[in-house]
Amino acid sequence: MATSGMTSYGDISQRTAAWVAATMLEHADPILVLSKFGLMKEVPQNTAESVKFRRPVPFTAAITPLVEGVTPTAQKMQYEDIAATLKQYGAPVEITDKVADVNEDPVLQDAATLAGEQAGETIEVLTWGMISGGTNVFYAGTSDASRTDVNDPVSLGRQRLITRFLKAQKARQIALRIGPSDGQGTEPVAASYVALGHTDLESDIRNMTGFVPVEKYGSYKPTCPQEIGKVEDVRYVLTPHMSPWEGAGSGTLNGMKSVGGSKVDVYPIIFVGRGAYGLVALSGNRDIEPMVLNPGKPSKSDPLGQRGYVSWKTYFTAVRLNEAWMVRLECGVTSNPTGT
């Protein structure tokens, strides 16, 4: 049947599949921010749905003097395992034969674009949910004892407490980030800790003492397009997918943003060192797997061939690898931001 747009390709040719996949990845990649700072691992196909991150346990300092003629006791290697299990995610977009026949819009292109954005957002939200649940928590106010006390913005003083904690835990600064698109390469950046948070935080971060915007880095490169700048040895990366906890803070607003108008919205900022968390994908399906089923193909469940689908599918999971190298700051956001 003669139709416009997607059905002229047949069900899906290799060329069309490549185009759909490229379109999906083009729109998913800008959303995938958290994936650039995690330790990536792949599970080979047809092996298992679980993977272990394995690391050696560091040796303690050898402070006992050697005794002449006496061989010291040999050390033994020890390892820690952290298990992660893959889960499958995906979603179809239904396109009817009538839409394909009479609609003037580029249905296949629009569906591939939106599916790519949905896939990227799915991975980003899953990763954010995992890293924002860490156990090391600081609060914005010096007297805050819990989330319900929060009614202050991020500050240099709290950042310094957090970086002091990370350095005491021997958290390594991030000097490499995962490369774009395929995620298989790495790119050098100036060593630093990375702070991840919501875009609503931008004004307060820019008002922090010592803030340097990315356009003034000179020879240094930003870690990703979502990086807004640095304060001392912390780089701030913000996206709208790193959602706050609305109305979870103090009933005393103190000039902080509140969606409901009664309690402060609490914004987590996650400070991470290298190797703090890991991401797992299935080898061969690391990128989004596109699928196209055109309308006009009769089947037992659709005898008139009235429905077609543009779909995506991926295997993914995320896991915290080292709690001591990840800290959450819970703060408010100034309701009416002003410049310095």
Protein backbone atom coordinates (compact mmCIF):
# COMPACT_ATOMS: atom_id res chain seq x y z
CA MET A 1 0.00 0.00 0.00
CA ALA A 2 1.31 3.42 -0.95
CA THR A 3 1.96 5.54 2.13
CA SER A 4 4.17 8.43 3.04
CA GLY A 5 7.02 8.49 5.51
CA MET A 6 7.89 5.36 7.39
CA THR A 7 6.02 2.62 5.50
CA SER A 8 7.92 3.28 2.29
CA TYR A 9 10.91 1.57 3.93
CA GLY A 10 9.16 -1.78 4.35
CA ASP A 11 9.33 -3.34 7.81
CA ILE A 12 12.93 -2.29 8.38
CA SER A 13 15.94 -2.55 6.11
CA GLN A 14 19.53 -2.46 7.29
CA ARG A 15 19.87 1.08 5.99
CA THR A 16 16.68 2.21 7.73
CA ALA A 17 17.72 0.47 10.95
CA ALA A 18 21.04 2.34 10.88
CA TRP A 19 19.23 5.64 10.29
CA VAL A 20 16.74 5.03 13.09
CA ALA A 21 19.52 3.98 15.46
CA ALA A 22 21.59 7.05 14.59
CA THR A 23 18.59 9.32 15.13
CA MET A 24 17.81 7.73 18.48
CA LEU A 25 21.43 8.02 19.63
CA GLU A 26 21.68 11.59 18.41
CA HIS A 27 18.86 12.59 20.71
CA ALA A 28 19.77 10.28 23.60
CA ASP A 29 23.44 11.22 23.92
CA PRO A 30 22.99 14.84 25.12
CA ILE A 31 20.75 13.55 27.91
CA LEU A 32 23.23 10.93 29.09
CA VAL A 33 25.32 12.96 31.55
CA LEU A 34 25.71 10.62 34.52
CA SER A 35 27.01 7.85 32.25
CA LYS A 36 30.09 9.97 31.51
CA PHE A 37 31.37 9.78 35.09
CA GLY A 38 30.64 6.16 36.03
CA LEU A 39 32.79 3.08 35.62
CA MET A 40 31.35 1.29 32.58
CA LYS A 41 31.24 -2.51 32.36
CA GLU A 42 29.67 -4.82 29.80
CA VAL A 43 28.15 -8.27 30.14
CA PRO A 44 28.87 -10.49 27.10
CA GLN A 45 25.79 -11.75 25.31
CA ASN A 46 24.59 -15.28 26.02
CA THR A 47 26.51 -15.54 29.30
CA ALA A 48 24.63 -14.20 32.32
CA GLU A 49 22.39 -11.36 33.44
CA SER A 50 24.64 -10.51 36.38
CA VAL A 51 28.13 -9.04 36.57
CA LYS A 52 30.59 -8.45 39.39
CA PHE A 53 32.75 -5.39 39.85
CA ARG A 54 35.92 -6.79 41.42
CA ARG A 55 38.62 -4.75 43.08
CA PRO A 56 41.69 -5.60 45.20
CA VAL A 57 41.71 -4.63 48.87
CA PRO A 58 44.57 -2.14 49.45
CA PHE A 59 47.48 -3.13 51.66
CA THR A 60 48.00 -1.29 54.94
CA ALA A 61 51.23 0.61 55.54
CA ALA A 62 54.17 -1.67 56.43
CA ILE A 63 55.40 0.18 59.55
CA THR A 64 57.10 -2.74 61.35
CA PRO A 65 60.91 -2.69 60.86
CA LEU A 66 62.47 -5.74 59.22
CA VAL A 67 64.56 -8.07 61.42
CA GLU A 68 67.94 -9.09 60.08
CA GLY A 69 67.85 -12.61 58.65
CA VAL A 70 64.10 -13.02 59.27
CA THR A 71 61.76 -13.25 56.27
CA PRO A 72 58.58 -11.28 56.95
CA THR A 73 55.22 -12.96 56.60
CA ALA A 74 54.00 -12.72 53.01
CA GLN A 75 50.86 -10.73 52.31
CA LYS A 76 47.91 -12.29 50.57
CA MET A 77 45.83 -10.71 47.89
CA GLN A 78 42.20 -10.04 48.83
CA TYR A 79 39.36 -8.90 46.63
CA GLU A 80 35.95 -7.30 47.10
CA ASP A 81 33.04 -8.16 44.82
CA ILE A 82 30.01 -5.96 44.11
CA ALA A 83 27.28 -7.67 42.11
CA ALA A 84 24.92 -5.99 39.64
CA THR A 85 22.03 -7.54 37.71
CA LEU A 86 20.92 -6.30 34.31
CA LYS A 87 17.32 -5.32 33.71
CA GLN A 88 15.62 -4.77 30.39
CA TYR A 89 13.95 -1.47 29.49
CA GLY A 90 12.11 -0.27 26.43
CA ALA A 91 8.92 1.18 25.02
CA PRO A 92 6.93 1.08 21.75
CA VAL A 93 5.35 3.99 19.88
CA GLU A 94 2.16 3.02 18.07
CA ILE A 95 1.53 4.36 14.58
CA THR A 96 -1.74 3.48 12.82
CA ASP A 97 -2.13 2.93 9.10
CA LYS A 98 -4.36 6.01 8.88
CA VAL A 99 -1.68 8.25 10.41
CA ALA A 100 0.91 6.83 8.03
CA ASP A 101 -1.42 7.24 5.03
CA VAL A 102 -2.74 10.77 5.52
CA ASN A 103 -0.57 12.57 8.06
CA GLU A 104 1.76 15.17 6.55
CA ASP A 105 4.24 15.00 9.47
CA PRO A 106 7.49 12.96 9.25
CA VAL A 107 6.16 10.24 11.53
CA LEU A 108 9.17 7.93 11.52
CA GLN A 109 11.64 10.73 12.19
CA ASP A 110 9.55 12.21 14.99
CA ALA A 111 8.98 8.82 16.59
CA ALA A 112 12.69 7.97 16.43
CA THR A 113 13.60 11.35 17.92
CA LEU A 114 11.18 11.06 20.84
CA ALA A 115 12.10 7.41 21.44
CA GLY A 116 15.79 8.35 21.62
CA GLU A 117 15.06 11.09 24.12
CA GLN A 118 12.94 8.70 26.17
CA ALA A 119 15.67 6.06 26.19
CA GLY A 120 18.31 8.56 27.30
CA GLU A 121 16.07 9.97 30.00
CA THR A 122 15.23 6.46 31.25
CA ILE A 123 18.91 5.60 31.74
CA GLU A 124 19.61 8.99 33.31
CA VAL A 125 16.71 8.78 35.79
CA LEU A 126 17.64 5.21 36.78
CA THR A 127 21.26 6.24 37.41
CA TRP A 128 20.22 9.35 39.35
CA GLY A 129 17.91 7.31 41.56
CA MET A 130 20.80 5.00 42.39
CA ILE A 131 23.49 7.58 43.16
CA SER A 132 21.17 9.91 45.07
CA GLY A 133 20.49 7.12 47.58
CA GLY A 134 24.02 7.07 49.01
CA THR A 135 24.63 6.96 52.76
CA ASN A 136 27.03 9.92 53.21
CA VAL A 137 24.94 13.05 53.71
CA PHE A 138 25.75 16.68 54.51
CA TYR A 139 23.12 19.39 54.95
CA ALA A 140 23.38 22.99 53.75
CA GLY A 141 22.87 24.65 57.15
CA THR A 142 25.50 24.32 59.85
CA SER A 143 22.81 23.43 62.40
CA ASP A 144 20.74 21.14 60.15
CA ALA A 145 20.28 17.66 61.58
CA SER A 146 18.02 16.16 58.90
CA ARG A 147 16.38 16.84 55.54
CA THR A 148 13.40 18.49 57.24
CA ASP A 149 15.72 21.24 58.56
CA VAL A 150 17.05 22.29 55.16
CA ASN A 151 16.47 25.94 54.18
CA ASP A 152 19.88 27.20 53.01
CA PRO A 153 21.57 27.23 49.58
CA VAL A 154 24.82 25.54 48.63
CA SER A 155 27.91 27.31 50.00
CA LEU A 156 31.68 27.19 49.71
CA GLY A 157 31.99 26.19 53.36
CA ARG A 158 29.86 23.07 52.90
CA GLN A 159 31.70 22.20 49.70
CA ARG A 160 35.01 22.35 51.55
CA LEU A 161 33.70 20.03 54.26
CA ILE A 162 32.66 17.55 51.58
CA THR A 163 35.95 17.66 49.66
CA ARG A 164 37.84 17.27 52.93
CA PHE A 165 35.77 14.16 53.65
CA LEU A 166 36.42 12.75 50.15
CA LYS A 167 40.15 13.36 50.41
CA ALA A 168 40.27 11.72 53.84
CA GLN A 169 38.62 8.67 52.27
CA LYS A 170 41.28 8.69 49.52
CA ALA A 171 38.67 9.31 46.84
CA ARG A 172 40.44 9.86 43.54
CA GLN A 173 39.64 12.92 41.52
CA ILE A 174 38.25 12.37 38.04
CA ALA A 175 40.92 12.93 35.40
CA LEU A 176 39.20 11.02 32.58
CA ARG A 177 35.63 10.98 31.40
CA ILE A 178 33.81 8.54 29.14
CA GLY A 179 33.89 9.71 25.54
CA PRO A 180 30.78 10.75 23.59
CA SER A 181 28.25 8.55 21.75
CA ASP A 182 29.70 5.05 21.96
CA GLY A 183 31.12 5.51 25.45
CA GLN A 184 34.12 3.35 24.64
CA GLY A 185 36.79 6.05 24.58
CA THR A 186 38.01 8.31 27.36
CA GLU A 187 39.03 11.94 27.23
CA PRO A 188 41.42 13.73 29.63
CA VAL A 189 40.17 16.59 31.80
CA ALA A 190 41.76 18.57 34.62
CA ALA A 191 41.62 16.43 37.77
CA SER A 192 38.72 17.37 40.02
CA TYR A 193 35.72 16.05 41.88
CA VAL A 194 32.42 16.33 40.03
CA ALA A 195 29.22 17.66 41.60
CA LEU A 196 25.98 16.59 39.92
CA GLY A 197 22.67 18.37 40.40
CA HIS A 198 19.55 19.99 38.98
CA THR A 199 19.63 23.06 36.72
CA ASP A 200 17.68 25.06 39.33
CA LEU A 201 20.92 25.19 41.35
CA GLU A 202 22.80 27.20 38.72
CA SER A 203 22.26 30.69 40.10
CA ASP A 204 23.33 29.76 43.64
CA ILE A 205 26.41 27.96 42.35
CA ARG A 206 27.41 30.93 40.22
CA ASN A 207 27.12 33.13 43.31
CA MET A 208 29.55 30.96 45.30
CA THR A 209 32.85 32.62 46.21
CA GLY A 210 35.54 31.63 43.72
CA PHE A 211 33.20 30.40 40.97
CA VAL A 212 34.90 30.16 37.56
CA PRO A 213 32.60 29.70 34.52
CA VAL A 214 33.62 27.24 31.79
CA GLU A 215 34.24 30.05 29.31
CA LYS A 216 37.13 31.24 31.51
CA TYR A 217 38.85 27.86 31.87
CA GLY A 218 41.57 28.78 29.38
CA SER A 219 43.34 25.61 28.26
CA TYR A 220 41.17 23.35 30.42
CA LYS A 221 38.18 21.66 28.81
CA PRO A 222 34.76 21.14 30.43
CA THR A 223 33.90 17.54 31.23
CA CYS A 224 30.69 17.78 29.16
CA PRO A 225 28.35 20.44 27.67
CA GLN A 226 26.28 20.43 30.89
CA GLU A 227 29.21 21.64 33.01
CA ILE A 228 28.62 25.27 34.07
CA GLY A 229 31.89 25.95 35.90
CA LYS A 230 34.09 25.13 38.86
CA VAL A 231 34.66 26.20 42.44
CA GLU A 232 38.16 25.29 43.66
CA ASP A 233 38.59 21.58 42.84
CA VAL A 234 34.92 20.79 42.16
CA ARG A 235 33.26 20.93 38.73
CA TYR A 236 29.51 21.44 38.64
CA VAL A 237 27.42 19.54 36.08
CA LEU A 238 23.68 20.24 35.96
CA THR A 239 20.72 18.73 34.09
CA PRO A 240 16.93 18.90 34.64
CA HIS A 241 16.77 15.13 35.14
CA MET A 242 18.43 15.27 38.57
CA SER A 243 15.16 15.95 40.32
CA PRO A 244 14.67 17.50 43.81
CA TRP A 245 12.45 16.35 46.67
CA GLU A 246 9.61 18.84 46.63
CA GLY A 247 8.36 20.04 50.03
CA ALA A 248 10.78 17.82 51.96
CA GLY A 249 12.61 20.59 53.81
CA SER A 250 11.94 23.11 56.52
CA GLY A 251 8.64 24.89 57.07
CA THR A 252 10.65 28.10 57.47
CA LEU A 253 11.31 28.99 53.83
CA ASN A 254 14.16 31.47 54.44
CA GLY A 255 13.86 32.70 50.83
CA MET A 256 14.17 29.19 49.39
CA LYS A 257 12.11 27.79 46.53
CA SER A 258 8.95 25.88 47.49
CA VAL A 259 6.55 24.41 44.94
CA GLY A 260 3.78 24.04 47.50
CA GLY A 261 4.59 27.26 49.31
CA SER A 262 4.74 25.64 52.74
CA LYS A 263 8.01 23.67 52.89
CA VAL A 264 11.38 24.05 51.20
CA ASP A 265 12.14 21.95 48.13
CA VAL A 266 15.31 19.99 48.87
CA TYR A 267 17.89 19.64 46.09
CA PRO A 268 20.53 16.92 46.29
CA ILE A 269 24.00 17.61 44.91
CA ILE A 270 26.08 14.45 44.51
CA PHE A 271 29.85 14.90 44.82
CA VAL A 272 31.71 11.95 43.31
CA GLY A 273 35.25 10.73 42.87
CA ARG A 274 36.49 8.37 40.19
CA GLY A 275 35.01 4.87 40.48
CA ALA A 276 32.28 5.89 42.93
CA TYR A 277 29.57 4.19 40.89
CA GLY A 278 29.29 1.80 37.97
CA LEU A 279 27.08 1.31 34.94
CA VAL A 280 26.38 -2.05 33.30
CA ALA A 281 25.17 -2.73 29.77
CA LEU A 282 24.80 -5.86 27.66
CA SER A 283 27.59 -6.20 25.12
CA GLY A 284 26.23 -5.69 21.63
CA ASN A 285 23.21 -3.78 22.94
CA ARG A 286 25.07 -1.05 24.73
CA ASP A 287 23.48 1.54 22.52
CA ILE A 288 19.77 1.73 21.90
CA GLU A 289 18.39 -1.11 19.82
CA PRO A 290 15.74 0.26 17.43
CA MET A 291 12.85 -1.76 16.05
CA VAL A 292 10.32 -0.75 13.38
CA LEU A 293 7.13 -2.64 12.53
CA ASN A 294 5.18 -0.85 9.82
CA PRO A 295 1.39 -0.75 9.58
CA GLY A 296 -0.08 -2.63 6.66
CA LYS A 297 1.26 -6.03 7.74
CA PRO A 298 -1.67 -8.32 8.65
CA SER A 299 -1.16 -10.68 11.57
CA LYS A 300 -3.30 -12.87 13.80
CA SER A 301 -3.53 -10.12 16.43
CA ASP A 302 -4.01 -7.36 13.82
CA PRO A 303 -5.76 -8.94 10.81
CA LEU A 304 -6.22 -5.63 8.97
CA GLY A 305 -2.66 -4.45 9.52
CA GLN A 306 -3.88 -1.26 11.17
CA ARG A 307 -1.04 -0.82 13.65
CA GLY A 308 2.70 -0.33 13.40
CA TYR A 309 5.36 0.49 15.99
CA VAL A 310 8.63 2.33 16.43
CA SER A 311 10.31 0.86 19.52
CA TRP A 312 13.54 0.87 21.47
CA LYS A 313 15.08 -1.62 23.89
CA THR A 314 18.18 -1.76 26.05
CA TYR A 315 19.70 -3.68 28.97
CA PHE A 316 21.01 -1.60 31.84
CA THR A 317 21.69 -1.29 35.55
CA ALA A 318 23.68 1.04 37.80
CA VAL A 319 25.33 0.34 41.15
CA ARG A 320 27.18 2.27 43.87
CA LEU A 321 30.69 0.87 44.05
CA ASN A 322 32.29 2.85 46.86
CA GLU A 323 30.05 4.70 49.31
CA ALA A 324 33.03 6.55 50.80
CA TRP A 325 33.77 8.21 47.44
CA MET A 326 30.28 9.64 47.04
CA VAL A 327 28.66 12.37 49.17
CA ARG A 328 25.21 13.94 48.95
CA LEU A 329 24.68 17.57 49.93
CA GLU A 330 21.03 18.44 50.58
CA CYS A 331 20.28 22.13 50.12
CA GLY A 332 17.65 24.62 49.07
CA VAL A 333 17.53 26.86 46.02
CA THR A 334 17.12 30.63 46.29
CA SER A 335 13.57 31.46 45.24
CA ASN A 336 14.41 34.79 43.59
CA PRO A 337 18.00 34.52 42.33
CA THR A 338 20.16 37.62 42.08
CA GLY A 339 23.60 38.27 40.63
CA THR A 340 26.69 39.06 42.64
